[in-house]
N, C-alpha and C. Protein backbone atom coordinates (compact mmCIF):
# COMPACT_ATOMS: atom_id res chain seq x y z
N MET A 1 -24.85 5.51 6.47
CA MET A 1 -23.49 5.93 6.18
C MET A 1 -23.27 7.32 6.77
N SER A 2 -22.11 7.57 7.32
CA SER A 2 -21.79 8.83 7.96
C SER A 2 -21.50 9.91 6.92
N ASP A 3 -21.79 11.17 7.31
CA ASP A 3 -21.50 12.29 6.43
C ASP A 3 -20.09 12.81 6.61
N THR A 4 -19.35 12.27 7.56
CA THR A 4 -18.01 12.77 7.82
C THR A 4 -17.04 12.26 6.76
N ILE A 5 -16.02 13.06 6.53
CA ILE A 5 -14.98 12.67 5.57
C ILE A 5 -14.01 11.75 6.28
N LYS A 6 -13.68 10.65 5.66
CA LYS A 6 -12.76 9.69 6.26
C LYS A 6 -11.33 10.20 6.13
N SER A 7 -10.54 9.95 7.16
CA SER A 7 -9.14 10.33 7.12
C SER A 7 -8.41 9.45 6.11
N PRO A 8 -7.29 9.94 5.58
CA PRO A 8 -6.52 9.10 4.65
C PRO A 8 -6.11 7.77 5.27
N ASP A 9 -5.77 7.78 6.56
CA ASP A 9 -5.38 6.53 7.21
C ASP A 9 -6.55 5.56 7.27
N GLN A 10 -7.74 6.05 7.56
CA GLN A 10 -8.91 5.18 7.61
C GLN A 10 -9.22 4.63 6.23
N ALA A 11 -9.04 5.45 5.21
CA ALA A 11 -9.26 4.99 3.84
C ALA A 11 -8.29 3.86 3.51
N THR A 12 -7.05 3.99 3.96
CA THR A 12 -6.05 2.94 3.73
C THR A 12 -6.43 1.66 4.47
N VAL A 13 -6.87 1.81 5.71
CA VAL A 13 -7.31 0.64 6.49
C VAL A 13 -8.48 -0.04 5.78
N ASN A 14 -9.43 0.75 5.29
CA ASN A 14 -10.57 0.18 4.57
C ASN A 14 -10.12 -0.58 3.33
N ARG A 15 -9.17 -0.02 2.60
CA ARG A 15 -8.66 -0.69 1.40
C ARG A 15 -8.00 -2.02 1.79
N LEU A 16 -7.23 -2.00 2.87
CA LEU A 16 -6.56 -3.23 3.31
C LEU A 16 -7.57 -4.28 3.76
N GLN A 17 -8.65 -3.85 4.37
CA GLN A 17 -9.69 -4.80 4.77
C GLN A 17 -10.36 -5.43 3.54
N ARG A 18 -10.56 -4.63 2.50
CA ARG A 18 -11.12 -5.19 1.26
C ARG A 18 -10.14 -6.19 0.65
N ILE A 19 -8.86 -5.86 0.69
CA ILE A 19 -7.84 -6.76 0.15
C ILE A 19 -7.83 -8.07 0.95
N ALA A 20 -7.95 -7.96 2.27
CA ALA A 20 -8.01 -9.17 3.11
C ALA A 20 -9.19 -10.04 2.69
N GLY A 21 -10.30 -9.41 2.38
CA GLY A 21 -11.46 -10.16 1.89
C GLY A 21 -11.18 -10.84 0.57
N GLN A 22 -10.45 -10.13 -0.31
CA GLN A 22 -10.08 -10.73 -1.60
C GLN A 22 -9.19 -11.95 -1.37
N VAL A 23 -8.22 -11.82 -0.48
CA VAL A 23 -7.30 -12.93 -0.19
C VAL A 23 -8.07 -14.12 0.36
N HIS A 24 -9.01 -13.85 1.24
CA HIS A 24 -9.86 -14.92 1.79
C HIS A 24 -10.63 -15.60 0.65
N GLY A 25 -11.13 -14.80 -0.27
CA GLY A 25 -11.85 -15.35 -1.42
C GLY A 25 -10.97 -16.22 -2.29
N VAL A 26 -9.71 -15.81 -2.47
CA VAL A 26 -8.78 -16.61 -3.27
C VAL A 26 -8.50 -17.93 -2.56
N ALA A 27 -8.32 -17.89 -1.25
CA ALA A 27 -8.09 -19.13 -0.50
C ALA A 27 -9.27 -20.08 -0.67
N LYS A 28 -10.48 -19.53 -0.63
CA LYS A 28 -11.67 -20.35 -0.81
C LYS A 28 -11.70 -20.94 -2.22
N MET A 29 -11.31 -20.15 -3.21
CA MET A 29 -11.25 -20.65 -4.59
C MET A 29 -10.31 -21.84 -4.69
N ILE A 30 -9.17 -21.74 -4.02
CA ILE A 30 -8.19 -22.83 -4.06
C ILE A 30 -8.74 -24.06 -3.35
N GLU A 31 -9.39 -23.85 -2.20
CA GLU A 31 -10.01 -24.97 -1.49
C GLU A 31 -11.06 -25.67 -2.34
N GLU A 32 -11.75 -24.89 -3.16
CA GLU A 32 -12.80 -25.44 -4.02
C GLU A 32 -12.25 -25.96 -5.35
N ASP A 33 -10.92 -25.93 -5.48
CA ASP A 33 -10.25 -26.41 -6.70
C ASP A 33 -10.78 -25.71 -7.95
N ARG A 34 -10.90 -24.39 -7.86
CA ARG A 34 -11.40 -23.61 -8.98
C ARG A 34 -10.35 -23.54 -10.08
N TYR A 35 -10.78 -23.16 -11.26
CA TYR A 35 -9.94 -23.07 -12.44
C TYR A 35 -8.74 -22.15 -12.17
N CYS A 36 -7.56 -22.64 -12.48
CA CYS A 36 -6.32 -21.93 -12.14
C CYS A 36 -6.26 -20.52 -12.72
N ILE A 37 -6.75 -20.34 -13.93
CA ILE A 37 -6.72 -19.01 -14.54
C ILE A 37 -7.58 -18.04 -13.74
N ASP A 38 -8.71 -18.51 -13.24
CA ASP A 38 -9.56 -17.65 -12.40
C ASP A 38 -8.85 -17.27 -11.11
N VAL A 39 -8.15 -18.23 -10.51
CA VAL A 39 -7.39 -17.97 -9.29
C VAL A 39 -6.28 -16.96 -9.58
N LEU A 40 -5.56 -17.17 -10.67
CA LEU A 40 -4.47 -16.27 -11.03
C LEU A 40 -4.98 -14.86 -11.32
N THR A 41 -6.14 -14.76 -11.93
CA THR A 41 -6.74 -13.45 -12.19
C THR A 41 -7.02 -12.73 -10.88
N GLN A 42 -7.56 -13.45 -9.92
CA GLN A 42 -7.84 -12.85 -8.62
C GLN A 42 -6.56 -12.49 -7.87
N LEU A 43 -5.54 -13.32 -8.00
CA LEU A 43 -4.25 -13.01 -7.37
C LEU A 43 -3.65 -11.75 -7.98
N ALA A 44 -3.79 -11.58 -9.28
CA ALA A 44 -3.29 -10.36 -9.94
C ALA A 44 -4.04 -9.14 -9.41
N ALA A 45 -5.33 -9.29 -9.18
CA ALA A 45 -6.12 -8.18 -8.63
C ALA A 45 -5.66 -7.82 -7.22
N VAL A 46 -5.34 -8.83 -6.42
CA VAL A 46 -4.84 -8.60 -5.06
C VAL A 46 -3.50 -7.87 -5.12
N LYS A 47 -2.61 -8.34 -5.99
CA LYS A 47 -1.30 -7.69 -6.12
C LYS A 47 -1.45 -6.24 -6.55
N SER A 48 -2.34 -5.99 -7.48
CA SER A 48 -2.57 -4.63 -7.95
C SER A 48 -3.10 -3.74 -6.82
N ALA A 49 -4.05 -4.26 -6.08
CA ALA A 49 -4.62 -3.49 -4.97
C ALA A 49 -3.57 -3.19 -3.90
N LEU A 50 -2.74 -4.18 -3.58
CA LEU A 50 -1.66 -3.96 -2.62
C LEU A 50 -0.66 -2.93 -3.13
N GLY A 51 -0.37 -2.99 -4.42
CA GLY A 51 0.54 -2.01 -5.02
C GLY A 51 0.01 -0.59 -4.89
N LYS A 52 -1.30 -0.43 -5.04
CA LYS A 52 -1.91 0.89 -4.90
C LYS A 52 -1.82 1.38 -3.45
N VAL A 53 -2.04 0.49 -2.50
CA VAL A 53 -1.91 0.87 -1.09
C VAL A 53 -0.46 1.23 -0.79
N GLU A 54 0.45 0.43 -1.29
CA GLU A 54 1.86 0.69 -1.07
C GLU A 54 2.24 2.06 -1.63
N GLY A 55 1.76 2.37 -2.82
CA GLY A 55 2.04 3.67 -3.42
C GLY A 55 1.47 4.81 -2.61
N ALA A 56 0.27 4.63 -2.07
CA ALA A 56 -0.35 5.67 -1.25
C ALA A 56 0.43 5.91 0.04
N VAL A 57 0.90 4.84 0.67
CA VAL A 57 1.68 4.98 1.90
C VAL A 57 3.03 5.63 1.58
N LEU A 58 3.64 5.26 0.48
CA LEU A 58 4.90 5.86 0.08
C LEU A 58 4.72 7.35 -0.21
N LYS A 59 3.63 7.70 -0.87
CA LYS A 59 3.34 9.10 -1.17
C LYS A 59 3.15 9.89 0.12
N LYS A 60 2.45 9.30 1.09
CA LYS A 60 2.25 9.97 2.38
C LYS A 60 3.59 10.17 3.08
N HIS A 61 4.44 9.16 3.03
CA HIS A 61 5.76 9.26 3.66
C HIS A 61 6.55 10.41 3.03
N ALA A 62 6.52 10.49 1.72
CA ALA A 62 7.25 11.56 1.03
C ALA A 62 6.67 12.93 1.39
N ALA A 63 5.36 13.01 1.45
CA ALA A 63 4.71 14.29 1.73
C ALA A 63 4.89 14.75 3.17
N CYS A 64 4.99 13.81 4.09
CA CYS A 64 5.09 14.17 5.51
C CYS A 64 6.52 14.08 6.02
N CYS A 65 7.01 12.87 6.16
CA CYS A 65 8.31 12.65 6.80
C CYS A 65 9.46 13.27 6.02
N VAL A 66 9.47 13.05 4.73
CA VAL A 66 10.58 13.55 3.92
C VAL A 66 10.53 15.08 3.85
N SER A 67 9.34 15.63 3.66
CA SER A 67 9.24 17.09 3.58
C SER A 67 9.61 17.74 4.91
N GLU A 68 9.28 17.09 6.04
CA GLU A 68 9.69 17.60 7.35
C GLU A 68 11.20 17.59 7.49
N ALA A 69 11.84 16.54 7.01
CA ALA A 69 13.30 16.46 7.07
C ALA A 69 13.93 17.56 6.24
N ILE A 70 13.37 17.83 5.08
CA ILE A 70 13.89 18.90 4.22
C ILE A 70 13.72 20.25 4.91
N ALA A 71 12.56 20.48 5.49
CA ALA A 71 12.28 21.75 6.15
C ALA A 71 13.14 21.95 7.40
N SER A 72 13.56 20.86 8.02
CA SER A 72 14.35 20.96 9.25
C SER A 72 15.73 21.55 9.02
N GLY A 73 16.25 21.39 7.81
CA GLY A 73 17.60 21.88 7.52
C GLY A 73 18.69 20.95 8.03
N ASN A 74 18.33 19.86 8.68
CA ASN A 74 19.28 18.90 9.22
C ASN A 74 19.74 17.99 8.09
N GLU A 75 20.98 18.17 7.65
CA GLU A 75 21.48 17.42 6.50
C GLU A 75 21.51 15.91 6.74
N ALA A 76 21.86 15.49 7.95
CA ALA A 76 21.90 14.06 8.25
C ALA A 76 20.50 13.45 8.15
N GLU A 77 19.51 14.16 8.68
CA GLU A 77 18.14 13.66 8.61
C GLU A 77 17.64 13.66 7.16
N GLN A 78 18.00 14.69 6.41
CA GLN A 78 17.61 14.75 5.00
C GLN A 78 18.19 13.57 4.23
N ARG A 79 19.46 13.31 4.45
CA ARG A 79 20.14 12.20 3.77
C ARG A 79 19.49 10.86 4.15
N GLU A 80 19.19 10.71 5.44
CA GLU A 80 18.57 9.47 5.91
C GLU A 80 17.21 9.24 5.24
N LYS A 81 16.37 10.26 5.21
CA LYS A 81 15.05 10.12 4.60
C LYS A 81 15.15 9.90 3.10
N PHE A 82 16.09 10.57 2.45
CA PHE A 82 16.29 10.38 1.02
C PHE A 82 16.71 8.94 0.74
N ASN A 83 17.65 8.42 1.53
CA ASN A 83 18.11 7.04 1.34
C ASN A 83 16.99 6.04 1.61
N GLU A 84 16.15 6.32 2.60
CA GLU A 84 14.99 5.45 2.86
C GLU A 84 14.08 5.40 1.64
N LEU A 85 13.83 6.57 1.06
CA LEU A 85 12.97 6.63 -0.13
C LEU A 85 13.56 5.84 -1.28
N ILE A 86 14.83 6.02 -1.54
CA ILE A 86 15.49 5.31 -2.64
C ILE A 86 15.40 3.81 -2.42
N GLU A 87 15.65 3.37 -1.19
CA GLU A 87 15.59 1.94 -0.88
C GLU A 87 14.17 1.40 -1.08
N LEU A 88 13.18 2.13 -0.61
CA LEU A 88 11.79 1.70 -0.77
C LEU A 88 11.37 1.64 -2.23
N ILE A 89 11.75 2.64 -2.98
CA ILE A 89 11.40 2.66 -4.40
C ILE A 89 12.05 1.48 -5.11
N GLY A 90 13.29 1.16 -4.75
CA GLY A 90 13.97 0.01 -5.33
C GLY A 90 13.28 -1.30 -5.02
N LYS A 91 12.71 -1.42 -3.84
CA LYS A 91 12.02 -2.65 -3.44
C LYS A 91 10.69 -2.82 -4.15
N ARG A 92 10.11 -1.74 -4.63
CA ARG A 92 8.79 -1.81 -5.28
C ARG A 92 8.86 -2.47 -6.64
N LYS A 93 10.01 -2.55 -7.24
CA LYS A 93 10.12 -3.10 -8.59
C LYS A 93 10.05 -4.59 -8.60
């Protein structure tokens, strides 16, 4: 294992790769006609993991893109980024 610190983007990619593995596992469970409650439990875990990734990406967007728009002083850009955030937050529910 490397001693270097992973970038936030690499950490997100790693999380998504783990989620892809979980999804593959769920597909295999369905192919094997596993107990529905077990499948649903794994699907809930996948949804939760995706929600955490989504939250991390949203947080990064707010910290980078939105803060840059605020610092720019450009009202149109500020309004655009604010509206993007509101729309994204609304979709998360």
